[in-house]
Every structure is written in structure tokens, then in C-alpha cells.
Amino acid sequence: MRPLKVGYVLKRFPRLSQTFVLHELLELRRQGVEPVIIAQKGAESEPVQPQYAELDAPVYYLPASAEPTPQAALIAPLVRQLGLVHLHAHFATWAAGTASALSAITGLPYSFTAHAHDIFHASVDRPALAKTIAAARFVVTVSDYNRAYLRALLAEHGQAGTIVRLYNSIDFTRFGPAAGPREPDLVVGVGRLIEKKGFADLIDACRMLAAQGRPVRCLIVGEGPARAALERQIAQAGLHEHVRLLGALPQPVVLCLVARAAVFALPCVVGADGDRDGLPTVLLEAIALGTPVISTAIVGIPELIAHEHSGLLVPEHDPRSLACAIARLLDAPALQRQLAHAALVRARADFNLATNVRRLIGMFQGEGLPW
């Protein structure tokens, strides 16, 4: 039997911040699917994950153009020659638009995964997004919260479509709770330095903890446009001994830091521009490493973290509550272990990469949707 060949349409490949796409591609290969990557751009100057070397998949880069349709027209003859049976894109903006245009030209069915910024940001063309969803064979999104949002969007614009919730997942064979000791006062946060990650609130919470005389240390991993503002906030609060911005780091280094931490904190917020996370994969990775997590009770986060059972949730934009939650966990190693264990049990049940990719493959093949 010939292997299933699926075209993956991505705006940039490879990309440091999109390890979830890499892991999905690797698992597709393990399960006998041949992904063919169609990308607009190559890697930026940031470091690339070592795991990209494991991915044995062809990559085709599109001719330069700002619009999806001209690019799709230029690459359509190649797509026909490749023997693809389906097109799948990640993100509901350029990539989904290009997959839709390629589908219209080649007749191949398409689908896409909708994440967060691509559906929530104020700049999103909502009528166009509704049409792109309606024309797809199916649309995957990463939380029930997102699914309800997209269903409401379709209804608002008189469209219908198939929207499936399929959580971002991880390969638990690559992770495991840290065997070594944790640093008792270390808090780690990971994410792009943008408003919706809530790092300004995390820094403010650290200011409050430092004012209480606590020897808290907070390491924030990631890069982004808010870096200068966060650096000013740290300087103005005199927190150089307590908070450090480490910039973007390769995933193995990030995972080592998270595994050493007593607490992982990601106090997500809904940004002024409407942007928000769907369900951050980094929370799942922290849980897989056995690190107790603190986040906010917004969007899809409560689908992974049950407050007081598998983590602690605080209101968004509430650094005082965040500081109290951090202090509570730092003071209670037994609670850290209890929450971390419950979170790992929960994550393994619904966020297993092999299981969820198997479901995705079934949908690529046109099988009945599992929900």
C-alpha cells in the first residue's frame, strides 16, 4: 500500500516557537504518513530545534508574493505531481488562505488548525475566516473554548462548517518528571514576549514577593516586541537580582530550566487588541516534566488545569493573587508534588500526541469525525 501523502502548508519552516508543528510532523512520519512541507519562508536568525534533523520530509518554498492566490497558482503544478491526497495548514491566516487557494486550483480537499492570534486578534478578517472554515473539509482547533468561538463566528456570518477540537499534544516518551533536585525558590516562565503571555504581571508579582524579603528568582525565556518594556519594568522595580529575561533558547535548554524550577508560571491575559492564547502547549510541557503550574482562568486553560487539583489558577491582570499563589507553592513542596502528579495524570489522558495524531490521520482519510 502506498503511504498517505499530505501537504503541510506553513508560513515559515522551520520555526523555533512552533515545536508543536514539528512534533506533529514527526509523529505523522512514525505512523506511516509522508508529510510534504510547503512553506512561504525559511528559518529566521533564531536557533532551530535539534529535532528538525530527525524529520525526513521534503520542503518546498513558495515564490515571493504577499498574497496566497498567486503563490498557489505558481506551485499548483508541482502539488499535482507530488501525489498528495490532502492539504493541511497551521494557522487560519496566510497558511489557511494558501491551502484554500491550492484546493480551489487542484481539487484537493484541505483543512487547517486554528490556534489563537490567527482567530482572536482584532485584525482578523472575520467574514473571510468564516468562508475559509466553511470551504474546508474540516477545521481543527486546540480547545473547546476556541471551538465555541469559531462556531459562533460561523453563525454570525451565516456559514456552516465542521470544527473539531483536537488538543495540542506532546510525546510523553520524550518527557518525564525531573529526577534531580529542584531549586526551591526558582520560578520559570516561557513564551513570546508579548502582552497576552502576562509577563508584566509575573514581574509585578515578583516585585511583591521581593518586597516581602523572599529570595525568589524568576527566569523568563522567550523573545518578542515587549522585551524593552519588560526590561524597563525590571529596572524600575530594582529586580535585577530576582528577574532575568533570557531570550530565545533551544528547546532542550528550556526543558532543563523548567525541570529545575519549583514553579512554572504563565499568567496569560486577553490583550487590548483581543489577542489571547487558546491553550498554551508550554503548560503541557511543564506538566510533563513534573513541574507544578500556575496560570489564569481564561480561554482553554481550565480544560487542562483544574484549580486546586492539577494546578493553581488566578484571575488575569491580578499580580497580587499571582504573588500569593507563587508564595503558596514555594512554601509547600508537598502541594507541589500533589498538583504535579494530578496534572500529569490528566495530561496523559487527553493530550497524548500519538493518539491525537491517529485521529487527525483518520480525518485526512475522510473517515467519520470522532466527535
Protein backbone atom coordinates (compact mmCIF):
# COMPACT_ATOMS: atom_id res chain seq x y z
CA MET A 1 0.00 0.00 0.00
CA ARG A 2 1.31 3.44 -0.92
CA PRO A 3 1.85 5.76 2.05
CA LEU A 4 -0.57 8.62 2.61
CA LYS A 5 0.99 11.88 1.39
CA VAL A 6 -0.29 15.08 2.98
CA GLY A 7 0.82 18.59 2.08
CA TYR A 8 1.52 20.78 5.11
CA VAL A 9 1.16 24.48 4.31
CA LEU A 10 3.14 26.68 6.72
CA LYS A 11 4.08 30.34 6.62
CA ARG A 12 7.59 29.72 7.95
CA PHE A 13 9.52 26.50 8.32
CA PRO A 14 11.42 25.72 10.46
CA ARG A 15 10.40 27.97 13.34
CA LEU A 16 11.68 27.86 16.92
CA SER A 17 8.39 28.86 18.55
CA GLN A 18 6.33 26.18 16.76
CA THR A 19 7.63 22.95 18.24
CA PHE A 20 4.05 21.63 18.28
CA VAL A 21 4.09 21.61 14.45
CA LEU A 22 7.42 19.77 14.40
CA HIS A 23 6.19 17.16 16.87
CA GLU A 24 3.03 16.63 14.82
CA LEU A 25 5.09 16.11 11.66
CA LEU A 26 7.44 13.67 13.40
CA GLU A 27 4.50 11.65 14.72
CA LEU A 28 2.88 11.58 11.27
CA ARG A 29 6.10 10.02 9.96
CA ARG A 30 6.12 7.47 12.78
CA GLN A 31 2.57 6.48 11.88
CA GLY A 32 3.35 5.96 8.20
CA VAL A 33 2.24 9.29 6.70
CA GLU A 34 4.56 11.19 4.35
CA PRO A 35 4.22 14.91 5.06
CA VAL A 36 5.33 17.27 2.30
CA ILE A 37 6.02 20.78 3.57
CA ILE A 38 5.01 23.80 1.51
CA ALA A 39 6.30 26.98 3.15
CA GLN A 40 6.43 30.65 2.32
CA LYS A 41 9.65 31.38 4.22
CA GLY A 42 12.61 29.60 5.75
CA ALA A 43 14.10 29.89 9.22
CA GLU A 44 14.79 33.25 10.82
CA SER A 45 18.06 34.00 12.60
CA GLU A 46 16.80 32.34 15.80
CA PRO A 47 18.17 28.92 16.83
CA VAL A 48 16.44 25.85 15.41
CA GLN A 49 15.44 22.80 17.47
CA PRO A 50 17.83 19.83 17.06
CA GLN A 51 14.78 17.62 16.44
CA TYR A 52 14.36 19.14 12.98
CA ALA A 53 17.26 16.89 11.93
CA GLU A 54 15.02 13.88 12.65
CA LEU A 55 12.35 14.98 10.18
CA ASP A 56 12.82 13.25 6.84
CA ALA A 57 10.38 15.26 4.75
CA PRO A 58 10.71 17.32 1.56
CA VAL A 59 10.29 21.09 1.87
CA TYR A 60 9.21 23.35 -0.99
CA TYR A 61 9.39 27.13 -0.65
CA LEU A 62 6.89 29.29 -2.48
CA PRO A 63 7.85 32.12 -4.83
CA ALA A 64 7.83 35.54 -3.16
CA SER A 65 4.37 37.13 -3.11
CA ALA A 66 2.26 38.79 -0.46
CA GLU A 67 -1.00 37.11 -1.50
CA PRO A 68 -1.92 33.41 -1.23
CA THR A 69 -3.64 33.02 -4.62
CA PRO A 70 -0.68 33.96 -6.90
CA GLN A 71 1.64 31.75 -4.88
CA ALA A 72 -0.83 28.88 -5.02
CA ALA A 73 -1.16 29.22 -8.80
CA LEU A 74 2.62 29.02 -9.23
CA ILE A 75 3.07 25.91 -7.11
CA ALA A 76 -0.15 24.09 -8.11
CA PRO A 77 1.51 22.09 -10.95
CA LEU A 78 4.12 20.76 -8.51
CA VAL A 79 1.42 19.90 -5.96
CA ARG A 80 -0.38 17.84 -8.62
CA GLN A 81 2.84 15.95 -9.41
CA LEU A 82 3.57 15.13 -5.76
CA GLY A 83 0.64 12.74 -5.41
CA LEU A 84 -0.84 14.45 -2.36
CA VAL A 85 -4.26 13.38 -1.14
CA HIS A 86 -4.93 16.23 1.29
CA LEU A 87 -3.68 19.69 2.28
CA HIS A 88 -3.40 20.80 5.90
CA ALA A 89 -2.32 24.21 7.17
CA HIS A 90 -1.40 25.55 10.57
CA PHE A 91 -2.91 28.93 11.45
CA ALA A 92 -6.05 30.46 9.99
CA THR A 93 -4.38 33.37 8.21
CA TRP A 94 -1.89 33.16 5.30
CA ALA A 95 -1.37 29.39 5.53
CA ALA A 96 -5.08 28.54 5.56
CA GLY A 97 -5.69 31.02 2.74
CA THR A 98 -2.98 29.40 0.64
CA ALA A 99 -4.32 25.90 1.35
CA SER A 100 -7.78 27.11 0.32
CA ALA A 101 -6.43 28.62 -2.91
CA LEU A 102 -4.46 25.44 -3.70
CA SER A 103 -7.58 23.39 -3.05
CA ALA A 104 -9.60 25.52 -5.46
CA ILE A 105 -6.98 25.05 -8.20
CA THR A 106 -6.08 21.38 -7.68
CA GLY A 107 -9.32 19.94 -6.32
CA LEU A 108 -7.55 18.53 -3.26
CA PRO A 109 -9.50 18.80 0.00
CA TYR A 110 -7.98 20.99 2.69
CA SER A 111 -8.15 21.53 6.41
CA PHE A 112 -6.32 23.71 8.89
CA THR A 113 -5.59 24.07 12.57
CA ALA A 114 -6.71 27.33 14.15
CA HIS A 115 -4.72 28.40 17.19
CA ALA A 116 -5.06 31.81 18.88
CA HIS A 117 -3.69 35.04 17.36
CA ASP A 118 -4.97 33.86 13.98
CA ILE A 119 -8.60 33.88 15.16
CA PHE A 120 -8.76 36.27 18.13
CA HIS A 121 -6.70 39.30 17.11
CA ALA A 122 -8.63 42.46 16.21
CA SER A 123 -7.02 42.47 12.76
CA VAL A 124 -8.63 39.15 11.74
CA ASP A 125 -10.99 39.45 8.74
CA ARG A 126 -13.93 37.65 10.35
CA PRO A 127 -16.14 37.25 7.24
CA ALA A 128 -13.17 35.87 5.27
CA LEU A 129 -12.29 33.49 8.10
CA ALA A 130 -15.87 32.20 8.20
CA LYS A 131 -15.72 31.47 4.45
CA THR A 132 -12.36 29.69 4.77
CA ILE A 133 -13.76 27.49 7.55
CA ALA A 134 -16.90 26.71 5.57
CA ALA A 135 -14.93 25.66 2.47
CA ALA A 136 -12.61 23.31 4.39
CA ARG A 137 -13.27 19.59 4.77
CA PHE A 138 -12.78 20.21 8.49
CA VAL A 139 -11.07 22.64 10.84
CA VAL A 140 -9.13 21.62 13.92
CA THR A 141 -8.78 23.93 16.89
CA VAL A 142 -6.94 23.47 20.15
CA SER A 143 -9.61 23.89 22.84
CA ASP A 144 -13.35 23.70 23.43
CA TYR A 145 -13.21 27.44 24.12
CA ASN A 146 -11.86 28.03 20.60
CA ARG A 147 -14.39 25.65 19.11
CA ALA A 148 -17.30 27.54 20.65
CA TYR A 149 -15.80 30.84 19.47
CA LEU A 150 -15.47 29.61 15.88
CA ARG A 151 -18.97 28.12 15.85
CA ALA A 152 -20.33 31.49 16.95
CA LEU A 153 -18.29 33.15 14.21
CA LEU A 154 -19.83 30.86 11.58
CA ALA A 155 -23.34 31.53 12.85
CA GLU A 156 -22.69 35.28 12.87
CA HIS A 157 -21.85 35.17 9.16
CA GLY A 158 -24.45 32.64 8.05
CA GLN A 159 -21.92 29.90 7.34
CA ALA A 160 -21.65 26.25 8.36
CA GLY A 161 -18.60 24.06 8.79
CA THR A 162 -17.06 21.15 10.66
CA ILE A 163 -14.92 22.24 13.61
CA VAL A 164 -13.11 19.61 15.67
CA ARG A 165 -11.39 20.12 18.99
CA LEU A 166 -8.04 18.33 18.97
CA TYR A 167 -5.71 19.44 21.73
CA ASN A 168 -2.12 20.37 21.06
CA SER A 169 -0.33 17.30 22.35
CA ILE A 170 3.12 16.07 23.27
CA ASP A 171 5.08 12.86 23.01
CA PHE A 172 5.29 11.73 26.61
CA THR A 173 8.12 9.34 25.73
CA ARG A 174 10.32 12.42 25.25
CA PHE A 175 9.45 13.89 28.63
CA GLY A 176 9.45 12.79 32.21
CA PRO A 177 9.48 14.30 35.68
CA ALA A 178 12.93 15.53 36.65
CA ALA A 179 14.98 13.07 38.65
CA GLY A 180 17.27 15.67 40.20
CA PRO A 181 16.50 18.24 42.89
CA ARG A 182 14.50 21.36 42.09
CA GLU A 183 15.68 24.82 43.02
CA PRO A 184 13.35 25.78 45.87
CA ASP A 185 12.94 29.48 45.01
CA LEU A 186 13.05 29.24 41.21
CA VAL A 187 10.07 30.32 39.10
CA VAL A 188 10.24 29.88 35.32
CA GLY A 189 8.01 31.32 32.60
CA VAL A 190 8.31 30.57 28.88
CA GLY A 191 6.69 32.30 25.92
CA ARG A 192 6.99 35.09 23.40
CA LEU A 193 7.44 38.49 25.00
CA ILE A 194 4.03 39.81 24.04
CA GLU A 195 1.14 41.19 26.07
CA LYS A 196 -1.04 38.08 26.11
CA LYS A 197 1.58 35.99 27.95
CA GLY A 198 1.13 38.17 31.06
CA PHE A 199 4.82 38.54 31.87
CA ALA A 200 4.31 42.12 33.09
CA ASP A 201 2.05 40.68 35.79
CA LEU A 202 4.62 37.99 36.62
CA ILE A 203 7.32 40.64 37.08
CA ASP A 204 4.98 42.69 39.26
CA ALA A 205 4.22 39.61 41.35
CA CYS A 206 7.97 39.06 41.80
CA ARG A 207 8.29 42.68 42.95
CA MET A 208 5.73 42.00 45.67
CA LEU A 209 7.48 38.79 46.73
CA ALA A 210 10.87 40.51 46.83
CA ALA A 211 9.37 43.30 48.96
CA GLN A 212 8.38 40.62 51.47
CA GLY A 213 12.03 39.57 51.70
CA ARG A 214 11.60 36.36 49.75
CA PRO A 215 14.66 35.14 47.80
CA VAL A 216 12.53 34.39 44.73
CA ARG A 217 14.29 34.06 41.36
CA CYS A 218 12.33 34.25 38.13
CA LEU A 219 13.70 33.30 34.71
CA ILE A 220 11.64 34.28 31.66
CA VAL A 221 12.53 32.52 28.40
CA GLY A 222 11.46 33.98 25.07
CA GLU A 223 11.85 36.91 22.74
CA GLY A 224 9.42 39.44 21.37
CA PRO A 225 8.39 43.07 20.92
CA ALA A 226 7.62 43.63 24.61
CA ARG A 227 11.22 42.97 25.68
CA ALA A 228 12.24 46.63 26.07
CA ALA A 229 9.16 47.43 28.16
CA LEU A 230 9.74 44.41 30.40
CA GLU A 231 13.41 45.32 30.85
CA ARG A 232 12.35 48.83 31.94
CA GLN A 233 9.86 47.34 34.37
CA ILE A 234 12.56 45.14 35.90
CA ALA A 235 14.99 48.06 36.16
CA GLN A 236 12.47 50.49 37.65
CA ALA A 237 11.49 47.93 40.29
CA GLY A 238 15.13 47.14 41.10
CA LEU A 239 14.60 43.45 40.36
CA HIS A 240 17.86 42.60 38.58
CA GLU A 241 18.73 40.10 41.31
CA HIS A 242 15.30 38.49 41.12
CA VAL A 243 14.12 38.52 37.47
CA ARG A 244 16.06 37.82 34.27
CA LEU A 245 14.97 37.76 30.64
CA LEU A 246 16.95 35.00 28.93
CA GLY A 247 15.78 35.50 25.34
CA ALA A 248 15.00 32.64 22.95
CA LEU A 249 16.73 29.35 23.75
CA PRO A 250 16.77 25.89 22.12
CA GLN A 251 14.10 23.60 23.49
CA PRO A 252 16.48 21.18 25.29
CA VAL A 253 17.85 24.11 27.31
CA VAL A 254 14.34 25.39 28.03
CA LEU A 255 13.20 21.97 29.23
CA CYS A 256 16.19 21.72 31.59
CA LEU A 257 15.28 25.09 33.12
CA VAL A 258 11.63 24.12 33.55
CA ALA A 259 12.62 20.79 35.09
CA ARG A 260 14.77 22.62 37.69
CA ALA A 261 12.01 25.05 38.67
CA ALA A 262 9.87 24.79 41.77
CA VAL A 263 7.05 26.56 39.92
CA PHE A 264 6.14 27.23 36.29
CA ALA A 265 4.11 30.42 35.85
CA LEU A 266 2.31 31.65 32.74
CA PRO A 267 -0.30 34.27 33.75
CA CYS A 268 -1.97 34.68 30.34
CA VAL A 269 -4.26 37.64 29.65
CA VAL A 270 -6.61 38.82 26.92
CA GLY A 271 -4.71 41.62 25.22
CA ALA A 272 -6.06 45.07 24.47
CA ASP A 273 -6.20 44.04 20.80
CA GLY A 274 -8.32 40.98 21.61
CA ASP A 275 -5.40 38.58 21.17
CA ARG A 276 -5.23 35.67 23.59
CA ASP A 277 -3.87 32.16 23.83
CA GLY A 278 -6.01 29.14 23.02
CA LEU A 279 -4.28 26.63 25.29
CA PRO A 280 -0.50 27.14 25.54
CA THR A 281 1.47 23.98 24.76
CA VAL A 282 4.22 25.12 27.12
CA LEU A 283 1.89 24.50 30.08
CA LEU A 284 1.56 20.90 28.92
CA GLU A 285 5.34 20.56 28.59
CA ALA A 286 5.86 21.87 32.13
CA ILE A 287 3.31 19.37 33.41
CA ALA A 288 5.06 16.54 31.54
CA LEU A 289 8.28 17.49 33.34
CA GLY A 290 6.54 17.26 36.71
CA THR A 291 6.70 20.99 37.42
CA PRO A 292 3.63 22.45 39.17
CA VAL A 293 1.93 25.17 37.14
CA ILE A 294 0.22 28.47 37.85
CA SER A 295 -1.81 30.18 35.16
CA THR A 296 -5.01 32.18 34.69
CA ALA A 297 -8.62 31.04 34.48
CA ILE A 298 -9.20 32.22 30.91
CA VAL A 299 -9.74 30.74 27.42
CA GLY A 300 -8.95 27.00 27.21
CA ILE A 301 -6.54 26.87 30.15
CA PRO A 302 -9.10 25.40 32.62
CA GLU A 303 -9.54 22.48 30.19
CA LEU A 304 -6.01 21.41 31.16
CA ILE A 305 -5.62 22.81 34.67
CA ALA A 306 -8.29 22.29 37.32
CA HIS A 307 -7.79 24.84 40.10
CA GLU A 308 -6.57 23.31 43.36
CA HIS A 309 -6.46 19.85 41.75
CA SER A 310 -3.89 19.93 38.94
CA GLY A 311 -2.51 23.44 39.35
CA LEU A 312 -3.42 26.90 40.58
CA LEU A 313 -5.43 29.41 38.54
CA VAL A 314 -5.65 33.12 39.32
CA PRO A 315 -7.66 35.94 37.72
CA GLU A 316 -5.98 37.63 34.76
CA HIS A 317 -4.34 41.03 35.36
CA ASP A 318 -4.08 40.26 39.09
CA PRO A 319 -0.41 40.22 40.13
CA ARG A 320 -1.31 40.23 43.83
CA SER A 321 -3.22 36.94 43.50
CA LEU A 322 -0.39 35.61 41.37
CA ALA A 323 2.17 36.52 44.04
CA CYS A 324 0.07 34.76 46.67
CA ALA A 325 -0.19 31.63 44.51
CA ILE A 326 3.57 31.57 43.88
CA ALA A 327 4.32 32.04 47.59
CA ARG A 328 1.88 29.30 48.50
CA LEU A 329 3.56 26.79 46.20
CA LEU A 330 7.11 27.78 47.11
CA ASP A 331 6.23 27.22 50.77
CA ALA A 332 4.62 23.81 50.22
CA PRO A 333 6.75 21.15 48.48
CA ALA A 334 4.11 18.52 49.28
CA LEU A 335 1.47 20.58 47.47
CA GLN A 336 3.86 20.99 44.55
CA ARG A 337 4.14 17.21 44.23
CA GLN A 338 0.39 16.66 44.66
CA LEU A 339 -0.59 19.15 41.96
CA ALA A 340 2.15 18.00 39.58
CA HIS A 341 1.08 14.35 39.85
CA ALA A 342 -2.61 15.10 39.26
CA ALA A 343 -1.75 17.32 36.29
CA LEU A 344 0.38 14.58 34.71
CA VAL A 345 -2.43 12.03 35.02
CA ARG A 346 -4.84 14.50 33.38
CA ALA A 347 -2.44 15.40 30.58
CA ARG A 348 -1.66 11.81 29.65
CA ALA A 349 -5.36 11.08 29.26
CA ASP A 350 -6.27 13.73 26.65
CA PHE A 351 -3.05 15.31 25.40
CA ASN A 352 -1.16 12.28 24.06
CA LEU A 353 0.48 13.02 20.73
CA ALA A 354 0.25 9.52 19.23
CA THR A 355 -3.46 9.22 20.00
CA ASN A 356 -4.39 12.64 18.69
CA VAL A 357 -2.30 12.34 15.51
CA ARG A 358 -4.00 9.00 14.83
CA ARG A 359 -7.34 10.83 14.97
CA LEU A 360 -6.01 13.52 12.65
CA ILE A 361 -4.85 10.92 10.11
CA GLY A 362 -8.32 9.41 10.13
CA MET A 363 -9.78 12.79 9.23
CA PHE A 364 -7.22 13.26 6.45
CA GLN A 365 -8.52 9.97 5.03
CA GLY A 366 -12.11 11.19 5.16
CA GLU A 367 -13.14 8.88 7.98
CA GLY A 368 -16.00 9.84 10.27
CA LEU A 369 -15.09 12.57 12.71
CA PRO A 370 -14.56 11.24 16.22
CA TRP A 371 -16.73 13.85 17.92
